[in-house]
Every structure is written in structure tokens, then in C-alpha cells.
Amino acid sequence: MSARTDKLRKKLAAGQPSPGMWSTLASPMAAEIVADAGLDWVIVDAEHHPFNPETLLHILMAFRGTDTVPMIRVPWNDHVVIKQVLDLGFEGILTPNTNSVEDARRAVEACRYPPVGKRGAGWTRPGQYGRDQGEYVRTANESIFCAIQIEDIRGTEDIENIVKVPGVDWILIGPTDMSGTMGLFPQINHPDVAEACAKIITTASRAGLPSGSGIALETPEAIREGLALGAQIVPIGGDVTMFRKAIDDNLDMFRNTVGQGAE
């Protein structure tokens, strides 16, 4: 087990909140800045953003020597895709639209070697190109994070059973897509959507399973509300949003300083 995944597992097992962020810029340099920031984890969003295998490999290199766990949201809960990114060296998987016990079991199987799962043997890079292959194979099943994302109201209705699936390490919620399955798209703050999301977090918390919202919690109030529900997984933002906000704020500062207003 890698030192950083072991550290994060112990932190979550102790019930502590864990800060991380979304990475959507297909840039190894941006990833390096993020990886060195001191976050517990970063999720590269390959579901909605332009990442190819070579770029993902270069991004993973940016995490070497840091304490930040590199994770990836794959485009779909697909055995082939999960196998490929784990063989690149990602240390955690997040599967989107994983809304039932069967979906959750499929994600776990793809993340684990036999006899626990069905992951294929192809550990060249994570096994240090053969130098540490035995250690990687021995510890991968207990080291790799298998996180699932519930994005359908069906997942809320089946949450009592989903939290019992062996091998699921985290649960994240996709409030926007969930609102669409409730006929409320994209009203993520609608009371019915909030209630459905809260049910997932509180149920997971009672089961001792770390959980949280996939939506970034960017204010003290939002973080406190999430923690009060029992959330441990706390995304504090995304690289694109932070980059854009910094540019906008600095440009506003310049305009206000020289008296140009907000032209």
C-alpha cells in the first residue's frame, strides 16, 4: 500500500473530514501546482473533459513525491476503462452514475484483482516497471480507492443496500444529474433534491462509509452544512473555477484601481 493512500485511509477511518478538489485542465503543469498544494486527494475528471492516455500519464507523474492521492472519474462504470487508468497508476477510481447494488459491485470488481474482483494483470507502471511488482500486486486490492457516484434518485431509494456492498470505499453524489431524474433539472438547491442528497450522506455516515457531494463546497457555510450532515469527502473547488476566479478578481482589482469600473 502506498504511504499516501494508507495515510488517507487512516484519516477517514478516524472520522476526519478530507479536503480535495477536481482537476479538469488537461495540463501536467497545472496538475503539478495542485499536487503540491497539500490536498488529501485530487480527482481528475475524465468523464467530461479532454484527457487522453498520454496526458493522463504525464499528469500522474506530477503527483510523484507528494502526499496527494491521484484519483480519476472515468467516463463510465466500464471494466475496460477502469483497467486502463489503474494500469497507468491512478490510486483511486470514481465511477459516475453508479446507482444500484449491481452497479456498485461492478465498480468494485473492476478495481480489484482476483479473487476479490476481475481486474486484469497489467501492472507495469504502478509496479515500478517490474522493480516493485510483487508489492504492488500484494497490496493493490487494499490500497486502491473504489469510489462510486450516485446521480439518480434510484440510488437514493436503494442507498441502504448500496452502503453494504463490500469494497466500496467512498460515495459521492451528483446533485445536478440527480435533479434531472427527479424532473427538476438543474435545480440542485430544490428542497426535494437536497433531501435526497442528505439521505445518502446520513445513511453512508451511519454505515461508517465516507461520503460527500460532488459539488464543490466553496464557502465556510457550505462546508459546515456538509459536515453537519456527516460528509467527510469535501471538494473545495476545481482548477478551472479557481483559475477563472483569480483572473476575474485581479482584472476587477486593476479596473477599480485605475478608475475604469467594470468595463
Protein backbone atom coordinates (compact mmCIF):
# COMPACT_ATOMS: atom_id res chain seq x y z
CA MET A 1 0.00 0.00 0.00
CA SER A 2 1.36 3.43 -0.86
CA ALA A 3 2.11 5.70 2.09
CA ARG A 4 -0.33 8.35 0.92
CA THR A 5 -3.28 6.01 0.42
CA ASP A 6 -2.56 4.44 3.81
CA LYS A 7 -2.47 7.89 5.40
CA LEU A 8 -5.78 8.89 3.81
CA ARG A 9 -7.48 5.62 4.77
CA LYS A 10 -6.46 6.11 8.40
CA LYS A 11 -7.68 9.70 8.38
CA LEU A 12 -11.08 8.70 7.01
CA ALA A 13 -11.33 5.73 9.38
CA ALA A 14 -10.84 8.19 12.24
CA GLY A 15 -13.88 10.14 11.01
CA GLN A 16 -11.96 13.23 9.96
CA PRO A 17 -13.05 15.43 7.05
CA SER A 18 -10.86 15.23 3.96
CA PRO A 19 -10.30 18.15 1.55
CA GLY A 20 -9.67 17.66 -2.14
CA MET A 21 -10.53 19.16 -5.49
CA TRP A 22 -11.48 18.49 -9.09
CA SER A 23 -8.87 18.67 -11.85
CA THR A 24 -10.24 19.42 -15.32
CA LEU A 25 -7.34 21.19 -17.06
CA ALA A 26 -5.51 18.76 -19.33
CA SER A 27 -2.18 20.19 -18.19
CA PRO A 28 0.63 18.42 -16.31
CA MET A 29 1.90 21.80 -15.09
CA ALA A 30 -1.49 22.66 -13.61
CA ALA A 31 -1.60 19.20 -12.04
CA GLU A 32 1.83 19.76 -10.50
CA ILE A 33 0.68 23.00 -8.88
CA VAL A 34 -2.40 21.25 -7.50
CA ALA A 35 -0.50 18.16 -6.34
CA ASP A 36 1.93 20.28 -4.31
CA ALA A 37 -0.80 22.29 -2.56
CA GLY A 38 -1.30 19.90 0.36
CA LEU A 39 -4.72 18.46 -0.51
CA ASP A 40 -5.58 14.91 0.56
CA TRP A 41 -6.79 13.90 -2.89
CA VAL A 42 -7.47 15.20 -6.38
CA ILE A 43 -10.00 13.75 -8.81
CA VAL A 44 -9.11 14.13 -12.48
CA ASP A 45 -12.42 14.45 -14.31
CA ALA A 46 -12.08 12.31 -17.42
CA GLU A 47 -15.84 11.99 -17.74
CA HIS A 48 -16.47 15.48 -19.08
CA HIS A 49 -13.05 16.84 -20.04
CA PRO A 50 -10.41 16.26 -22.77
CA PHE A 51 -7.88 13.79 -21.38
CA ASN A 52 -6.06 11.21 -23.47
CA PRO A 53 -3.91 8.37 -22.07
CA GLU A 54 -0.60 10.15 -22.64
CA THR A 55 -1.82 13.33 -20.92
CA LEU A 56 -3.10 11.26 -18.00
CA LEU A 57 0.32 9.60 -17.71
CA HIS A 58 2.06 12.99 -17.59
CA ILE A 59 -0.43 14.25 -15.01
CA LEU A 60 0.28 11.22 -12.81
CA MET A 61 3.99 11.99 -12.98
CA ALA A 62 3.22 15.37 -11.42
CA PHE A 63 1.98 13.57 -8.29
CA ARG A 64 5.20 11.64 -7.67
CA GLY A 65 6.76 12.51 -4.35
CA THR A 66 3.64 14.25 -3.00
CA ASP A 67 1.17 13.18 -0.30
CA THR A 68 -1.84 13.86 -2.54
CA VAL A 69 -3.71 10.77 -3.75
CA PRO A 70 -4.37 10.94 -7.53
CA MET A 71 -7.85 9.72 -8.41
CA ILE A 72 -9.85 9.78 -11.62
CA ARG A 73 -13.51 9.92 -12.55
CA VAL A 74 -13.74 7.58 -15.51
CA PRO A 75 -16.17 8.27 -18.38
CA TRP A 76 -18.37 5.34 -17.35
CA ASN A 77 -18.55 2.39 -14.97
CA ASP A 78 -16.69 0.30 -17.53
CA HIS A 79 -14.29 -2.53 -16.76
CA VAL A 80 -12.00 -1.80 -19.71
CA VAL A 81 -11.60 1.91 -18.98
CA ILE A 82 -11.03 1.29 -15.26
CA LYS A 83 -8.37 -1.32 -16.03
CA GLN A 84 -6.50 1.07 -18.32
CA VAL A 85 -6.32 4.00 -15.88
CA LEU A 86 -5.37 1.78 -12.94
CA ASP A 87 -2.55 0.35 -15.05
CA LEU A 88 -1.36 3.93 -15.63
CA GLY A 89 -1.03 4.29 -11.87
CA PHE A 90 -4.11 6.08 -10.55
CA GLU A 91 -4.71 5.21 -6.91
CA GLY A 92 -8.45 5.76 -6.84
CA ILE A 93 -11.39 5.41 -9.19
CA LEU A 94 -14.70 7.29 -9.17
CA THR A 95 -17.41 5.73 -11.31
CA PRO A 96 -20.25 8.01 -12.45
CA ASN A 97 -23.93 7.06 -12.44
CA THR A 98 -23.46 4.13 -10.08
CA ASN A 99 -27.00 3.93 -8.79
CA SER A 100 -27.67 0.38 -7.65
CA VAL A 101 -26.15 -2.55 -5.77
CA GLU A 102 -25.34 -4.19 -9.11
CA ASP A 103 -23.61 -1.04 -10.37
CA ALA A 104 -21.56 -0.78 -7.18
CA ARG A 105 -20.49 -4.43 -7.35
CA ARG A 106 -19.41 -3.94 -10.96
CA ALA A 107 -17.20 -0.99 -9.96
CA VAL A 108 -15.58 -2.96 -7.14
CA GLU A 109 -14.90 -5.95 -9.39
CA ALA A 110 -13.15 -3.73 -11.92
CA CYS A 111 -10.90 -2.20 -9.25
CA ARG A 112 -9.78 -5.43 -7.56
CA TYR A 113 -7.58 -8.31 -8.60
CA PRO A 114 -8.90 -11.89 -8.22
CA PRO A 115 -10.23 -13.49 -6.18
CA VAL A 116 -11.96 -10.34 -4.91
CA GLY A 117 -12.56 -8.87 -8.35
CA LYS A 118 -11.88 -9.22 -12.06
CA ARG A 119 -9.13 -6.70 -12.74
CA GLY A 120 -6.70 -7.94 -15.36
CA ALA A 121 -2.95 -8.27 -14.80
CA GLY A 122 -1.09 -5.31 -16.30
CA TRP A 123 0.85 -3.56 -13.57
CA THR A 124 3.95 -2.35 -15.43
CA ARG A 125 3.97 1.31 -14.33
CA PRO A 126 2.34 1.05 -10.88
CA GLY A 127 4.71 -1.88 -10.19
CA GLN A 128 7.68 0.44 -10.82
CA TYR A 129 8.33 -1.22 -14.20
CA GLY A 130 8.92 -4.58 -12.54
CA ARG A 131 11.09 -3.32 -9.68
CA ASP A 132 8.25 -3.41 -7.14
CA GLN A 133 5.74 -5.60 -8.93
CA GLY A 134 5.23 -8.11 -6.12
CA GLU A 135 4.49 -5.43 -3.53
CA TYR A 136 2.02 -3.67 -5.80
CA VAL A 137 0.12 -6.85 -6.60
CA ARG A 138 0.08 -7.85 -2.93
CA THR A 139 -1.32 -4.53 -1.68
CA ALA A 140 -3.33 -3.10 -4.60
CA ASN A 141 -6.68 -4.50 -3.52
CA GLU A 142 -6.50 -2.85 -0.12
CA SER A 143 -4.79 0.30 -1.40
CA ILE A 144 -6.83 1.41 -4.43
CA PHE A 145 -9.84 3.56 -3.54
CA CYS A 146 -13.09 2.49 -5.18
CA ALA A 147 -15.46 5.46 -5.03
CA ILE A 148 -18.89 5.50 -6.62
CA GLN A 149 -21.08 8.44 -7.59
CA ILE A 150 -24.84 8.25 -7.15
CA GLU A 151 -26.54 10.50 -9.69
CA ASP A 152 -30.06 9.10 -9.95
CA ILE A 153 -32.95 9.15 -7.49
CA ARG A 154 -32.95 5.35 -7.77
CA GLY A 155 -29.66 5.37 -5.89
CA THR A 156 -31.23 7.29 -3.04
CA GLU A 157 -34.04 4.77 -2.87
CA ASP A 158 -31.54 1.87 -2.73
CA ILE A 159 -28.93 3.54 -0.54
CA GLU A 160 -29.48 1.26 2.48
CA ASN A 161 -28.32 -1.68 0.34
CA ILE A 162 -25.61 0.16 -1.61
CA VAL A 163 -23.70 1.08 1.56
CA LYS A 164 -23.46 -2.64 2.39
CA VAL A 165 -21.58 -3.56 -0.82
CA PRO A 166 -18.11 -4.83 0.21
CA GLY A 167 -15.25 -2.90 -1.35
CA VAL A 168 -16.97 0.45 -1.84
CA ASP A 169 -14.71 2.99 -0.13
CA TRP A 170 -16.49 6.32 -0.78
CA ILE A 171 -19.80 7.60 -2.04
CA LEU A 172 -20.10 10.92 -3.83
CA ILE A 173 -23.34 12.48 -5.02
CA GLY A 174 -24.04 14.11 -8.37
CA PRO A 175 -26.80 16.60 -7.41
CA THR A 176 -27.24 18.11 -10.88
CA ASP A 177 -27.85 14.85 -12.71
CA MET A 178 -29.93 13.62 -9.80
CA SER A 179 -32.19 16.65 -10.11
CA GLY A 180 -32.78 15.66 -13.73
CA THR A 181 -34.01 12.21 -12.70
CA MET A 182 -36.48 13.96 -10.39
CA GLY A 183 -37.86 16.26 -13.09
CA LEU A 184 -36.13 19.25 -11.51
CA PHE A 185 -33.06 19.79 -13.71
CA PRO A 186 -30.87 21.69 -12.88
CA GLN A 187 -32.33 22.83 -9.55
CA ILE A 188 -29.68 21.44 -7.20
CA ASN A 189 -30.96 23.58 -4.32
CA HIS A 190 -34.56 22.42 -4.61
CA PRO A 191 -35.73 21.03 -1.24
CA ASP A 192 -36.53 17.62 -2.72
CA VAL A 193 -33.07 17.33 -4.26
CA ALA A 194 -31.42 18.49 -1.04
CA GLU A 195 -33.42 15.92 0.92
CA ALA A 196 -32.39 13.10 -1.43
CA CYS A 197 -28.71 14.07 -1.19
CA ALA A 198 -28.89 14.41 2.59
CA LYS A 199 -30.35 10.90 2.85
CA ILE A 200 -27.35 9.45 1.02
CA ILE A 201 -24.82 11.23 3.22
CA THR A 202 -26.54 10.44 6.52
CA THR A 203 -27.07 6.78 5.57
CA ALA A 204 -23.44 6.41 4.47
CA SER A 205 -22.26 8.13 7.65
CA ARG A 206 -24.24 5.72 9.83
CA ALA A 207 -22.67 2.83 7.93
CA GLY A 208 -19.17 4.23 8.51
CA LEU A 209 -18.70 4.95 4.80
CA PRO A 210 -17.10 8.28 3.82
CA SER A 211 -19.31 10.37 1.56
CA GLY A 212 -19.94 13.85 0.28
CA SER A 213 -21.28 15.96 -2.55
CA GLY A 214 -19.57 16.15 -5.91
CA ILE A 215 -20.41 19.85 -5.95
CA ALA A 216 -17.54 21.96 -4.61
CA LEU A 217 -18.13 23.45 -1.16
CA GLU A 218 -16.57 26.88 -1.60
CA THR A 219 -17.82 28.79 1.44
CA PRO A 220 -17.50 28.24 5.19
CA GLU A 221 -21.29 27.90 5.42
CA ALA A 222 -21.41 25.18 2.74
CA ILE A 223 -18.59 23.25 4.41
CA ARG A 224 -20.26 23.45 7.83
CA GLU A 225 -23.59 22.27 6.40
CA GLY A 226 -21.91 19.31 4.70
CA LEU A 227 -20.01 18.31 7.82
CA ALA A 228 -23.17 18.62 9.93
CA LEU A 229 -24.84 16.02 7.69
CA GLY A 230 -21.89 13.68 8.15
CA ALA A 231 -19.89 14.35 4.99
CA GLN A 232 -16.19 13.53 5.13
CA ILE A 233 -15.27 13.94 1.46
CA VAL A 234 -15.08 17.68 0.87
CA PRO A 235 -14.21 19.02 -2.60
CA ILE A 236 -13.19 22.63 -2.04
CA GLY A 237 -13.18 23.63 -5.70
CA GLY A 238 -11.94 22.90 -9.19
CA ASP A 239 -8.90 24.15 -11.07
CA VAL A 240 -10.87 25.86 -13.85
CA THR A 241 -13.14 27.73 -11.44
CA MET A 242 -10.22 28.82 -9.27
CA PHE A 243 -8.19 29.92 -12.30
CA ARG A 244 -11.09 31.86 -13.79
CA LYS A 245 -11.96 33.49 -10.48
CA ALA A 246 -8.37 34.59 -9.87
CA ILE A 247 -8.21 36.21 -13.32
CA ASP A 248 -11.61 37.91 -12.91
CA ASP A 249 -10.74 39.18 -9.42
CA ASN A 250 -7.37 40.55 -10.49
CA LEU A 251 -8.85 42.25 -13.54
CA ASP A 252 -11.58 43.82 -11.40
CA MET A 253 -8.89 44.96 -8.97
CA PHE A 254 -6.98 46.65 -11.80
CA ARG A 255 -10.07 48.36 -13.21
CA ASN A 256 -11.13 49.61 -9.79
CA THR A 257 -7.61 50.83 -9.04
CA VAL A 258 -7.32 52.89 -12.22
CA GLY A 259 -10.93 54.06 -12.11
CA GLN A 260 -12.28 52.14 -15.11
CA GLY A 261 -15.08 50.42 -13.19
CA ALA A 262 -16.06 47.03 -14.55
CA GLU A 263 -15.88 47.77 -18.28
